[in-house]
Amino acid sequence: MKFIFVTILFVSMLNAGYEKVKIGKISNYHKDKISPFILKQLLDEIEQQFESQLGYNVFDYSSDGKPIDLLYISPSTAQKRVERKISQYERKVKKSQDLINFFKQTDVELDKLNIEYKSFSSKLNDKIISFNSYVENINKKIKKYPKEEFEKIKNNIALKKADINEDKRVKKRLESKLRLKTTKYNNRVILYNNLTSQINHLAFEIESLNRSLKIVKGQAIGQKVIKYKTYLKDGKYVKEKSIEHSMNKIEIYSFESLNQLKVILAHEIAHLVGIPHIDVKGALMNPILQDNQVKNLKLTYEDIMAFDKYFK
């Protein structure tokens, strides 16, 4: 499970226009993950990517720019519950994989033991048939043997019988070994089936919990100013309402990798300059963090159209 949370990236205000940005606060929690130097490199990469695809610049790095703060927010109770479920899920998946490896190894061992048991049993049966035939022939001629020769035959029969009895004990040991290994195998199959059921149940629980859980990775923050103007027109007083948006900063709360952080930054910078969400799969400005963007940050056609519409 790569990234199981539903990640929402959102903006408070739109229509901000061209902006300058700078590195702001980096919490102690994030200092071990990223340095200001690497963060500046990511911003340079985003700026180059935007400019190369759009053909114009939309933001610059400047010491008097809007701050980008990396802040730590402790997980909510709901998020912790999901994390616990994910931890349980991963442990059970690991056990399940261990059992699969056990089955693969034991299948080979059981096949080998079965072949050995069947081969030994077949040889023992041939030996018993041969012994019985030998004894039957002796019994037919028993009166013809001299006493001395009959004693030798009796000794020979005793030796053959002892050899057969020893083989029977070996067969019994092989049979017991095969039975124990088969029982252990079957018990593990039952355990595996129970684990599979638990894993499926946990996956369903996690999916259900995630539908109602929105984990905010970052946001562009601003102010909304509502202005009212009253004037006289055609002998009547007219009230007019206008709304102005002013973007103040970007806040980033969490990220799993530098590539993911770059996507979150690019998304929020786009909000900072006035680009809204677009409901297109794979787009940078999709409200859900897109895996393809984490692998390779790139504006889609729909992203470019949004920039041309809202920024230019």
C-alpha atoms as a PDB file:
ATOM      1  CA  MET A   1       0.000   0.000   0.000  1.00  0.00           C
ATOM      2  CA  LYS A   2       1.733   2.933  -1.225  1.00  0.00           C
ATOM      3  CA  PHE A   3      -0.390   5.859  -0.030  1.00  0.00           C
ATOM      4  CA  ILE A   4      -3.730   4.859   1.363  1.00  0.00           C
ATOM      5  CA  PHE A   5      -5.023   8.195   2.714  1.00  0.00           C
ATOM      6  CA  VAL A   6      -7.323  10.390   0.679  1.00  0.00           C
ATOM      7  CA  THR A   7      -5.245  13.556   0.445  1.00  0.00           C
ATOM      8  CA  ILE A   8      -6.988  16.867  -0.093  1.00  0.00           C
ATOM      9  CA  LEU A   9      -5.121  19.960  -1.272  1.00  0.00           C
ATOM     10  CA  PHE A  10      -7.209  23.118  -1.148  1.00  0.00           C
ATOM     11  CA  VAL A  11      -7.054  26.908  -1.382  1.00  0.00           C
ATOM     12  CA  SER A  12      -8.875  29.426   0.735  1.00  0.00           C
ATOM     13  CA  MET A  13      -8.914  32.298  -1.782  1.00  0.00           C
ATOM     14  CA  LEU A  14      -8.503  32.639  -5.545  1.00  0.00           C
ATOM     15  CA  ASN A  15      -7.599  35.250  -8.191  1.00  0.00           C
ATOM     16  CA  ALA A  16      -4.399  36.360  -6.479  1.00  0.00           C
ATOM     17  CA  GLY A  17      -2.228  37.081  -9.535  1.00  0.00           C
ATOM     18  CA  TYR A  18       1.569  37.025  -9.902  1.00  0.00           C
ATOM     19  CA  GLU A  19       3.360  36.354  -6.609  1.00  0.00           C
ATOM     20  CA  LYS A  20       6.771  36.219  -4.990  1.00  0.00           C
ATOM     21  CA  VAL A  21       7.543  33.487  -2.465  1.00  0.00           C
ATOM     22  CA  LYS A  22      10.195  32.793   0.123  1.00  0.00           C
ATOM     23  CA  ILE A  23      11.044  30.043   2.626  1.00  0.00           C
ATOM     24  CA  GLY A  24       9.370  30.758   5.941  1.00  0.00           C
ATOM     25  CA  LYS A  25       9.273  28.657   9.107  1.00  0.00           C
ATOM     26  CA  ILE A  26      10.411  25.034   9.125  1.00  0.00           C
ATOM     27  CA  SER A  27       9.232  23.186  12.226  1.00  0.00           C
ATOM     28  CA  ASN A  28      11.584  20.935  14.196  1.00  0.00           C
ATOM     29  CA  TYR A  29       9.506  17.973  13.026  1.00  0.00           C
ATOM     30  CA  HIS A  30      10.396  18.735   9.383  1.00  0.00           C
ATOM     31  CA  LYS A  31      14.009  19.842   9.887  1.00  0.00           C
ATOM     32  CA  ASP A  32      15.199  16.237   9.853  1.00  0.00           C
ATOM     33  CA  LYS A  33      13.381  15.666   6.552  1.00  0.00           C
ATOM     34  CA  ILE A  34      14.339  18.749   4.561  1.00  0.00           C
ATOM     35  CA  SER A  35      16.731  21.720   4.637  1.00  0.00           C
ATOM     36  CA  PRO A  36      16.121  25.269   3.327  1.00  0.00           C
ATOM     37  CA  PHE A  37      18.667  24.561   0.564  1.00  0.00           C
ATOM     38  CA  ILE A  38      16.740  21.515  -0.734  1.00  0.00           C
ATOM     39  CA  LEU A  39      13.423  23.371  -0.385  1.00  0.00           C
ATOM     40  CA  LYS A  40      14.848  26.213  -2.516  1.00  0.00           C
ATOM     41  CA  GLN A  41      15.947  23.636  -5.115  1.00  0.00           C
ATOM     42  CA  LEU A  42      12.408  22.251  -5.270  1.00  0.00           C
ATOM     43  CA  LEU A  43      10.995  25.748  -5.775  1.00  0.00           C
ATOM     44  CA  ASP A  44      13.499  26.377  -8.598  1.00  0.00           C
ATOM     45  CA  GLU A  45      12.448  23.115 -10.254  1.00  0.00           C
ATOM     46  CA  ILE A  46       8.762  24.061 -10.001  1.00  0.00           C
ATOM     47  CA  GLU A  47       9.445  27.526 -11.444  1.00  0.00           C
ATOM     48  CA  GLN A  48      11.350  26.009 -14.386  1.00  0.00           C
ATOM     49  CA  GLN A  49       8.612  23.411 -14.987  1.00  0.00           C
ATOM     50  CA  PHE A  50       5.854  26.033 -15.001  1.00  0.00           C
ATOM     51  CA  GLU A  51       7.765  28.415 -17.267  1.00  0.00           C
ATOM     52  CA  SER A  52       8.836  25.694 -19.735  1.00  0.00           C
ATOM     53  CA  GLN A  53       5.256  24.454 -20.186  1.00  0.00           C
ATOM     54  CA  LEU A  54       3.356  27.750 -19.929  1.00  0.00           C
ATOM     55  CA  GLY A  55       5.796  29.966 -21.802  1.00  0.00           C
ATOM     56  CA  TYR A  56       5.584  32.619 -19.084  1.00  0.00           C
ATOM     57  CA  ASN A  57       6.608  33.007 -15.452  1.00  0.00           C
ATOM     58  CA  VAL A  58       3.978  32.889 -12.706  1.00  0.00           C
ATOM     59  CA  PHE A  59       6.084  33.306  -9.564  1.00  0.00           C
ATOM     60  CA  ASP A  60       9.592  34.130  -8.375  1.00  0.00           C
ATOM     61  CA  TYR A  61      11.653  33.438  -5.293  1.00  0.00           C
ATOM     62  CA  SER A  62      12.382  36.623  -3.352  1.00  0.00           C
ATOM     63  CA  SER A  63      13.368  37.628   0.166  1.00  0.00           C
ATOM     64  CA  ASP A  64      10.265  39.845   0.345  1.00  0.00           C
ATOM     65  CA  GLY A  65       7.927  37.139  -0.996  1.00  0.00           C
ATOM     66  CA  LYS A  66       4.979  35.394   0.646  1.00  0.00           C
ATOM     67  CA  PRO A  67       6.276  32.804   3.149  1.00  0.00           C
ATOM     68  CA  ILE A  68       6.081  29.055   2.671  1.00  0.00           C
ATOM     69  CA  ASP A  69       5.862  27.548   6.168  1.00  0.00           C
ATOM     70  CA  LEU A  70       6.414  23.865   6.930  1.00  0.00           C
ATOM     71  CA  LEU A  71       4.364  23.248  10.060  1.00  0.00           C
ATOM     72  CA  TYR A  72       3.618  20.165  12.133  1.00  0.00           C
ATOM     73  CA  ILE A  73       0.022  19.320  13.036  1.00  0.00           C
ATOM     74  CA  SER A  74      -0.570  16.309  15.265  1.00  0.00           C
ATOM     75  CA  PRO A  75      -2.788  13.597  13.742  1.00  0.00           C
ATOM     76  CA  SER A  76      -6.486  13.653  14.589  1.00  0.00           C
ATOM     77  CA  THR A  77      -8.196  10.816  16.506  1.00  0.00           C
ATOM     78  CA  ALA A  78      -9.757   9.592  13.249  1.00  0.00           C
ATOM     79  CA  GLN A  79      -6.401   9.658  11.496  1.00  0.00           C
ATOM     80  CA  LYS A  80      -4.761   7.741  14.340  1.00  0.00           C
ATOM     81  CA  ARG A  81      -7.502   5.136  14.100  1.00  0.00           C
ATOM     82  CA  VAL A  82      -6.854   4.713  10.387  1.00  0.00           C
ATOM     83  CA  GLU A  83      -3.106   4.478  11.036  1.00  0.00           C
ATOM     84  CA  ARG A  84      -3.705   1.724  13.605  1.00  0.00           C
ATOM     85  CA  LYS A  85      -5.865  -0.153  11.124  1.00  0.00           C
ATOM     86  CA  ILE A  86      -3.195   0.217   8.451  1.00  0.00           C
ATOM     87  CA  SER A  87      -0.547  -1.076  10.884  1.00  0.00           C
ATOM     88  CA  GLN A  88      -2.732  -4.123  11.641  1.00  0.00           C
ATOM     89  CA  TYR A  89      -3.330  -4.622   7.928  1.00  0.00           C
ATOM     90  CA  GLU A  90       0.392  -4.513   7.119  1.00  0.00           C
ATOM     91  CA  ARG A  91       1.261  -6.983   9.926  1.00  0.00           C
ATOM     92  CA  LYS A  92      -1.371  -9.436   8.721  1.00  0.00           C
ATOM     93  CA  VAL A  93      -0.252  -9.065   5.102  1.00  0.00           C
ATOM     94  CA  LYS A  94       3.326  -9.828   6.258  1.00  0.00           C
ATOM     95  CA  LYS A  95       2.097 -12.970   8.083  1.00  0.00           C
ATOM     96  CA  SER A  96       0.111 -13.940   5.013  1.00  0.00           C
ATOM     97  CA  GLN A  97       3.200 -13.583   2.815  1.00  0.00           C
ATOM     98  CA  ASP A  98       5.234 -15.655   5.289  1.00  0.00           C
ATOM     99  CA  LEU A  99       2.586 -18.391   5.028  1.00  0.00           C
ATOM    100  CA  ILE A 100       2.705 -18.263   1.233  1.00  0.00           C
ATOM    101  CA  ASN A 101       6.483 -18.759   1.432  1.00  0.00           C
ATOM    102  CA  PHE A 102       5.893 -21.638   3.886  1.00  0.00           C
ATOM    103  CA  PHE A 103       3.451 -23.264   1.447  1.00  0.00           C
ATOM    104  CA  LYS A 104       5.919 -23.008  -1.424  1.00  0.00           C
ATOM    105  CA  GLN A 105       8.705 -24.616   0.616  1.00  0.00           C
ATOM    106  CA  THR A 106       6.472 -27.253   2.227  1.00  0.00           C
ATOM    107  CA  ASP A 107       4.900 -28.196  -1.129  1.00  0.00           C
ATOM    108  CA  VAL A 108       8.369 -29.211  -2.317  1.00  0.00           C
ATOM    109  CA  GLU A 109       9.107 -31.089   0.913  1.00  0.00           C
ATOM    110  CA  LEU A 110       5.743 -32.913   0.859  1.00  0.00           C
ATOM    111  CA  ASP A 111       6.181 -33.907  -2.786  1.00  0.00           C
ATOM    112  CA  LYS A 112       9.644 -35.266  -2.017  1.00  0.00           C
ATOM    113  CA  LEU A 113       8.398 -37.094   1.100  1.00  0.00           C
ATOM    114  CA  ASN A 114       5.412 -38.524  -0.765  1.00  0.00           C
ATOM    115  CA  ILE A 115       7.653 -39.851  -3.519  1.00  0.00           C
ATOM    116  CA  GLU A 116      10.000 -41.360  -0.918  1.00  0.00           C
ATOM    117  CA  TYR A 117       7.097 -42.933   0.986  1.00  0.00           C
ATOM    118  CA  LYS A 118       5.432 -44.408  -2.109  1.00  0.00           C
ATOM    119  CA  SER A 119       8.739 -45.736  -3.445  1.00  0.00           C
ATOM    120  CA  PHE A 120       9.640 -47.331  -0.107  1.00  0.00           C
ATOM    121  CA  SER A 121       6.133 -48.792   0.304  1.00  0.00           C
ATOM    122  CA  SER A 122       6.281 -50.282  -3.185  1.00  0.00           C
ATOM    123  CA  LYS A 123       9.669 -51.924  -2.498  1.00  0.00           C
ATOM    124  CA  LEU A 124       8.416 -53.215   0.864  1.00  0.00           C
ATOM    125  CA  ASN A 125       5.316 -54.717  -0.773  1.00  0.00           C
ATOM    126  CA  ASP A 126       7.513 -56.435  -3.386  1.00  0.00           C
ATOM    127  CA  LYS A 127       9.725 -57.746  -0.595  1.00  0.00           C
ATOM    128  CA  ILE A 128       6.705 -59.100   1.341  1.00  0.00           C
ATOM    129  CA  ILE A 129       5.287 -60.758  -1.811  1.00  0.00           C
ATOM    130  CA  SER A 130       8.659 -62.335  -2.509  1.00  0.00           C
ATOM    131  CA  PHE A 131       8.963 -63.515   1.118  1.00  0.00           C
ATOM    132  CA  ASN A 132       5.462 -64.991   1.138  1.00  0.00           C
ATOM    133  CA  SER A 133       6.167 -66.809  -2.118  1.00  0.00           C
ATOM    134  CA  TYR A 134       9.448 -68.124  -0.688  1.00  0.00           C
ATOM    135  CA  VAL A 135       7.735 -69.386   2.498  1.00  0.00           C
ATOM    136  CA  GLU A 136       4.929 -70.961   0.441  1.00  0.00           C
ATOM    137  CA  ASN A 137       7.427 -72.910  -1.650  1.00  0.00           C
ATOM    138  CA  ILE A 138       9.287 -74.040   1.471  1.00  0.00           C
ATOM    139  CA  ASN A 139       6.036 -75.284   2.998  1.00  0.00           C
ATOM    140  CA  LYS A 140       5.311 -77.321  -0.091  1.00  0.00           C
ATOM    141  CA  LYS A 141       8.651 -79.117   0.166  1.00  0.00           C
ATOM    142  CA  ILE A 142       9.048 -79.098   3.940  1.00  0.00           C
ATOM    143  CA  LYS A 143       9.059 -82.887   4.239  1.00  0.00           C
ATOM    144  CA  LYS A 144      11.805 -83.279   1.649  1.00  0.00           C
ATOM    145  CA  TYR A 145      14.400 -81.139   3.501  1.00  0.00           C
ATOM    146  CA  PRO A 146      16.927 -82.868   5.782  1.00  0.00           C
ATOM    147  CA  LYS A 147      16.885 -81.636   9.366  1.00  0.00           C
ATOM    148  CA  GLU A 148      20.174 -79.718   9.073  1.00  0.00           C
ATOM    149  CA  GLU A 149      19.132 -77.939   5.876  1.00  0.00           C
ATOM    150  CA  PHE A 150      15.686 -77.162   7.335  1.00  0.00           C
ATOM    151  CA  GLU A 151      17.358 -75.401  10.297  1.00  0.00           C
ATOM    152  CA  LYS A 152      19.304 -73.215   7.831  1.00  0.00           C
ATOM    153  CA  ILE A 153      16.054 -72.406   5.999  1.00  0.00           C
ATOM    154  CA  LYS A 154      14.365 -71.482   9.301  1.00  0.00           C
ATOM    155  CA  ASN A 155      17.244 -69.127  10.140  1.00  0.00           C
ATOM    156  CA  ASN A 156      17.050 -67.591   6.675  1.00  0.00           C
ATOM    157  CA  ILE A 157      13.279 -67.064   7.056  1.00  0.00           C
ATOM    158  CA  ALA A 158      13.850 -65.432  10.445  1.00  0.00           C
ATOM    159  CA  LEU A 159      16.430 -63.043   8.939  1.00  0.00           C
ATOM    160  CA  LYS A 160      14.127 -62.113   6.048  1.00  0.00           C
ATOM    161  CA  LYS A 161      11.241 -61.603   8.453  1.00  0.00           C
ATOM    162  CA  ALA A 162      13.400 -59.368  10.702  1.00  0.00           C
ATOM    163  CA  ASP A 163      14.459 -57.347   7.653  1.00  0.00           C
ATOM    164  CA  ILE A 164      10.814 -56.905   6.608  1.00  0.00           C
ATOM    165  CA  ASN A 165       9.804 -55.880  10.151  1.00  0.00           C
ATOM    166  CA  GLU A 166      12.576 -53.261  10.202  1.00  0.00           C
ATOM    167  CA  ASP A 167      11.341 -51.912   6.849  1.00  0.00           C
ATOM    168  CA  LYS A 168       7.817 -51.775   8.274  1.00  0.00           C
ATOM    169  CA  ARG A 169       9.104 -49.655  11.167  1.00  0.00           C
ATOM    170  CA  VAL A 170      10.870 -47.346   8.684  1.00  0.00           C
ATOM    171  CA  LYS A 171       7.664 -47.094   6.662  1.00  0.00           C
ATOM    172  CA  LYS A 172       5.722 -46.274   9.832  1.00  0.00           C
ATOM    173  CA  ARG A 173       8.214 -43.495  10.674  1.00  0.00           C
ATOM    174  CA  LEU A 174       7.912 -42.098   7.144  1.00  0.00           C
ATOM    175  CA  GLU A 175       4.116 -42.304   7.372  1.00  0.00           C
ATOM    176  CA  SER A 176       4.141 -40.491  10.731  1.00  0.00           C
ATOM    177  CA  LYS A 177       6.458 -37.795   9.379  1.00  0.00           C
ATOM    178  CA  LEU A 178       4.249 -37.336   6.328  1.00  0.00           C
ATOM    179  CA  ARG A 179       1.092 -37.178   8.453  1.00  0.00           C
ATOM    180  CA  LEU A 180       2.577 -34.609  10.857  1.00  0.00           C
ATOM    181  CA  LYS A 181       3.831 -32.404   8.022  1.00  0.00           C
ATOM    182  CA  THR A 182       0.481 -32.670   6.212  1.00  0.00           C
ATOM    183  CA  THR A 183      -1.410 -31.790   9.421  1.00  0.00           C
ATOM    184  CA  LYS A 184       0.860 -28.794   9.986  1.00  0.00           C
ATOM    185  CA  TYR A 185       0.339 -27.746   6.364  1.00  0.00           C
ATOM    186  CA  ASN A 186      -3.456 -28.034   6.661  1.00  0.00           C
ATOM    187  CA  ASN A 187      -3.461 -26.058   9.929  1.00  0.00           C
ATOM    188  CA  ARG A 188      -1.492 -23.313   8.196  1.00  0.00           C
ATOM    189  CA  VAL A 189      -4.017 -23.340   5.343  1.00  0.00           C
ATOM    190  CA  ILE A 190      -6.801 -22.715   7.878  1.00  0.00           C
ATOM    191  CA  LEU A 191      -4.718 -19.900   9.423  1.00  0.00           C
ATOM    192  CA  TYR A 192      -4.054 -18.427   5.974  1.00  0.00           C
ATOM    193  CA  ASN A 193      -7.765 -18.477   5.107  1.00  0.00           C
ATOM    194  CA  ASN A 194      -8.596 -16.734   8.409  1.00  0.00           C
ATOM    195  CA  LEU A 195      -5.863 -14.148   7.769  1.00  0.00           C
ATOM    196  CA  THR A 196      -7.168 -13.519   4.264  1.00  0.00           C
ATOM    197  CA  SER A 197     -10.633 -12.920   5.679  1.00  0.00           C
ATOM    198  CA  GLN A 198      -9.214 -10.511   8.313  1.00  0.00           C
ATOM    199  CA  ILE A 199      -7.135  -8.676   5.685  1.00  0.00           C
ATOM    200  CA  ASN A 200     -10.166  -8.200   3.439  1.00  0.00           C
ATOM    201  CA  HIS A 201     -12.208  -6.966   6.409  1.00  0.00           C
ATOM    202  CA  LEU A 202      -9.474  -4.488   7.423  1.00  0.00           C
ATOM    203  CA  ALA A 203      -9.128  -3.243   3.841  1.00  0.00           C
ATOM    204  CA  PHE A 204     -12.876  -2.585   3.774  1.00  0.00           C
ATOM    205  CA  GLU A 205     -12.695  -0.782   7.154  1.00  0.00           C
ATOM    206  CA  ILE A 206      -9.774   1.391   6.025  1.00  0.00           C
ATOM    207  CA  GLU A 207     -11.531   2.270   2.774  1.00  0.00           C
ATOM    208  CA  SER A 208     -14.719   3.176   4.662  1.00  0.00           C
ATOM    209  CA  LEU A 209     -12.827   5.318   7.185  1.00  0.00           C
ATOM    210  CA  ASN A 210     -10.905   7.090   4.433  1.00  0.00           C
ATOM    211  CA  ARG A 211     -14.116   8.141   2.691  1.00  0.00           C
ATOM    212  CA  SER A 212     -14.887  10.403   5.635  1.00  0.00           C
ATOM    213  CA  LEU A 213     -11.281  11.335   6.451  1.00  0.00           C
ATOM    214  CA  LYS A 214      -9.638  14.227   4.669  1.00  0.00           C
ATOM    215  CA  ILE A 215      -5.967  14.713   5.426  1.00  0.00           C
ATOM    216  CA  VAL A 216      -4.852  18.177   4.433  1.00  0.00           C
ATOM    217  CA  LYS A 217      -1.247  18.206   3.226  1.00  0.00           C
ATOM    218  CA  GLY A 218      -1.096  21.942   2.653  1.00  0.00           C
ATOM    219  CA  GLN A 219      -3.039  25.061   1.791  1.00  0.00           C
ATOM    220  CA  ALA A 220      -2.687  28.576   0.425  1.00  0.00           C
ATOM    221  CA  ILE A 221      -4.099  31.006   2.963  1.00  0.00           C
ATOM    222  CA  GLY A 222      -5.512  34.478   2.393  1.00  0.00           C
ATOM    223  CA  GLN A 223      -8.131  37.022   3.328  1.00  0.00           C
ATOM    224  CA  LYS A 224     -11.482  37.848   1.829  1.00  0.00           C
ATOM    225  CA  VAL A 225     -12.515  41.529   1.937  1.00  0.00           C
ATOM    226  CA  ILE A 226     -16.140  42.337   1.164  1.00  0.00           C
ATOM    227  CA  LYS A 227     -16.861  45.924   0.118  1.00  0.00           C
ATOM    228  CA  TYR A 228     -20.240  47.575  -0.317  1.00  0.00           C
ATOM    229  CA  LYS A 229     -20.744  50.674  -2.450  1.00  0.00           C
ATOM    230  CA  THR A 230     -23.975  52.701  -2.645  1.00  0.00           C
ATOM    231  CA  TYR A 231     -24.631  55.191  -5.424  1.00  0.00           C
ATOM    232  CA  LEU A 232     -27.484  56.996  -7.114  1.00  0.00           C
ATOM    233  CA  LYS A 233     -28.523  55.767 -10.547  1.00  0.00           C
ATOM    234  CA  ASP A 234     -31.586  56.902 -12.499  1.00  0.00           C
ATOM    235  CA  GLY A 235     -32.996  58.430  -9.340  1.00  0.00           C
ATOM    236  CA  LYS A 236     -32.592  55.212  -7.345  1.00  0.00           C
ATOM    237  CA  TYR A 237     -30.011  54.153  -4.762  1.00  0.00           C
ATOM    238  CA  VAL A 238     -28.086  51.077  -5.925  1.00  0.00           C
ATOM    239  CA  LYS A 239     -26.045  48.848  -3.586  1.00  0.00           C
ATOM    240  CA  GLU A 240     -23.073  47.040  -5.109  1.00  0.00           C
ATOM    241  CA  LYS A 241     -21.055  44.281  -3.470  1.00  0.00           C
ATOM    242  CA  SER A 242     -17.466  43.472  -4.396  1.00  0.00           C
ATOM    243  CA  ILE A 243     -15.136  40.787  -3.040  1.00  0.00           C
ATOM    244  CA  GLU A 244     -11.349  41.121  -3.020  1.00  0.00           C
ATOM    245  CA  HIS A 245      -8.966  38.279  -2.237  1.00  0.00           C
ATOM    246  CA  SER A 246      -5.498  38.751  -0.809  1.00  0.00           C
ATOM    247  CA  MET A 247      -3.161  35.756  -0.492  1.00  0.00           C
ATOM    248  CA  ASN A 248      -0.840  35.802   2.540  1.00  0.00           C
ATOM    249  CA  LYS A 249       1.146  32.574   2.677  1.00  0.00           C
ATOM    250  CA  ILE A 250       1.415  28.864   2.003  1.00  0.00           C
ATOM    251  CA  GLU A 251       1.390  26.285   4.781  1.00  0.00           C
ATOM    252  CA  ILE A 252       2.627  22.700   4.275  1.00  0.00           C
ATOM    253  CA  TYR A 253       1.768  20.170   6.978  1.00  0.00           C
ATOM    254  CA  SER A 254       3.044  16.760   5.898  1.00  0.00           C
ATOM    255  CA  PHE A 255       4.672  14.854   3.038  1.00  0.00           C
ATOM    256  CA  GLU A 256       5.984  11.314   2.522  1.00  0.00           C
ATOM    257  CA  SER A 257       8.818  12.113   0.089  1.00  0.00           C
ATOM    258  CA  LEU A 258      10.552  15.036  -1.611  1.00  0.00           C
ATOM    259  CA  ASN A 259       8.710  14.241  -4.843  1.00  0.00           C
ATOM    260  CA  GLN A 260       5.398  14.421  -2.995  1.00  0.00           C
ATOM    261  CA  LEU A 261       6.435  17.692  -1.334  1.00  0.00           C
ATOM    262  CA  LYS A 262       7.281  19.160  -4.756  1.00  0.00           C
ATOM    263  CA  VAL A 263       3.772  18.332  -6.028  1.00  0.00           C
ATOM    264  CA  ILE A 264       2.130  19.821  -2.915  1.00  0.00           C
ATOM    265  CA  LEU A 265       4.220  22.996  -3.278  1.00  0.00           C
ATOM    266  CA  ALA A 266       3.427  23.282  -6.997  1.00  0.00           C
ATOM    267  CA  HIS A 267      -0.288  22.814  -6.305  1.00  0.00           C
ATOM    268  CA  GLU A 268      -0.353  25.453  -3.555  1.00  0.00           C
ATOM    269  CA  ILE A 269       1.756  27.957  -5.533  1.00  0.00           C
ATOM    270  CA  ALA A 270      -0.751  27.574  -8.375  1.00  0.00           C
ATOM    271  CA  HIS A 271      -3.513  28.397  -5.862  1.00  0.00           C
ATOM    272  CA  LEU A 272      -1.439  31.338  -4.624  1.00  0.00           C
ATOM    273  CA  VAL A 273      -1.483  32.866  -8.123  1.00  0.00           C
ATOM    274  CA  GLY A 274      -5.211  32.256  -8.532  1.00  0.00           C
ATOM    275  CA  ILE A 275      -5.623  28.817 -10.139  1.00  0.00           C
ATOM    276  CA  PRO A 276      -8.641  26.860  -8.794  1.00  0.00           C
ATOM    277  CA  HIS A 277      -9.157  23.115  -8.564  1.00  0.00           C
ATOM    278  CA  ILE A 278     -10.045  21.206 -11.717  1.00  0.00           C
ATOM    279  CA  ASP A 279     -11.825  17.868 -11.642  1.00  0.00           C
ATOM    280  CA  VAL A 280      -9.545  16.073 -14.123  1.00  0.00           C
ATOM    281  CA  LYS A 281      -7.790  12.822 -13.325  1.00  0.00           C
ATOM    282  CA  GLY A 282      -3.995  13.141 -13.365  1.00  0.00           C
ATOM    283  CA  ALA A 283      -4.010  16.945 -13.297  1.00  0.00           C
ATOM    284  CA  LEU A 284      -1.812  18.863 -10.871  1.00  0.00           C
ATOM    285  CA  MET A 285      -4.832  20.949  -9.839  1.00  0.00           C
ATOM    286  CA  ASN A 286      -7.031  17.937  -9.086  1.00  0.00           C
ATOM    287  CA  PRO A 287      -8.072  18.265  -5.395  1.00  0.00           C
ATOM    288  CA  ILE A 288      -6.804  14.710  -4.793  1.00  0.00           C
ATOM    289  CA  LEU A 289      -3.051  14.159  -4.807  1.00  0.00           C
ATOM    290  CA  GLN A 290      -2.279  12.294  -8.052  1.00  0.00           C
ATOM    291  CA  ASP A 291       0.286   9.465  -8.149  1.00  0.00           C
ATOM    292  CA  ASN A 292       1.404  10.336 -11.683  1.00  0.00           C
ATOM    293  CA  GLN A 293       2.324  13.857 -10.514  1.00  0.00           C
ATOM    294  CA  VAL A 294       4.380  12.456  -7.620  1.00  0.00           C
ATOM    295  CA  LYS A 295       6.279  10.266 -10.083  1.00  0.00           C
ATOM    296  CA  ASN A 296       6.755  13.074 -12.601  1.00  0.00           C
ATOM    297  CA  LEU A 297       5.578  16.637 -11.936  1.00  0.00           C
ATOM    298  CA  LYS A 298       4.049  17.918 -15.177  1.00  0.00           C
ATOM    299  CA  LEU A 299       1.193  20.234 -16.097  1.00  0.00           C
ATOM    300  CA  THR A 300      -1.564  18.541 -18.060  1.00  0.00           C
ATOM    301  CA  TYR A 301      -3.399  20.200 -20.939  1.00  0.00           C
ATOM    302  CA  GLU A 302      -6.261  21.018 -18.542  1.00  0.00           C
ATOM    303  CA  ASP A 303      -3.791  22.574 -16.043  1.00  0.00           C
ATOM    304  CA  ILE A 304      -2.342  24.787 -18.787  1.00  0.00           C
ATOM    305  CA  MET A 305      -5.846  25.842 -19.872  1.00  0.00           C
ATOM    306  CA  ALA A 306      -6.633  26.768 -16.253  1.00  0.00           C
ATOM    307  CA  PHE A 307      -3.473  28.936 -16.041  1.00  0.00           C
ATOM    308  CA  ASP A 308      -4.325  30.626 -19.329  1.00  0.00           C
ATOM    309  CA  LYS A 309      -7.861  31.324 -18.100  1.00  0.00           C
ATOM    310  CA  TYR A 310      -7.259  32.449 -14.517  1.00  0.00           C
ATOM    311  CA  PHE A 311      -3.704  33.845 -14.532  1.00  0.00           C
ATOM    312  CA  LYS A 312      -3.237  35.640 -17.832  1.00  0.00           C
END
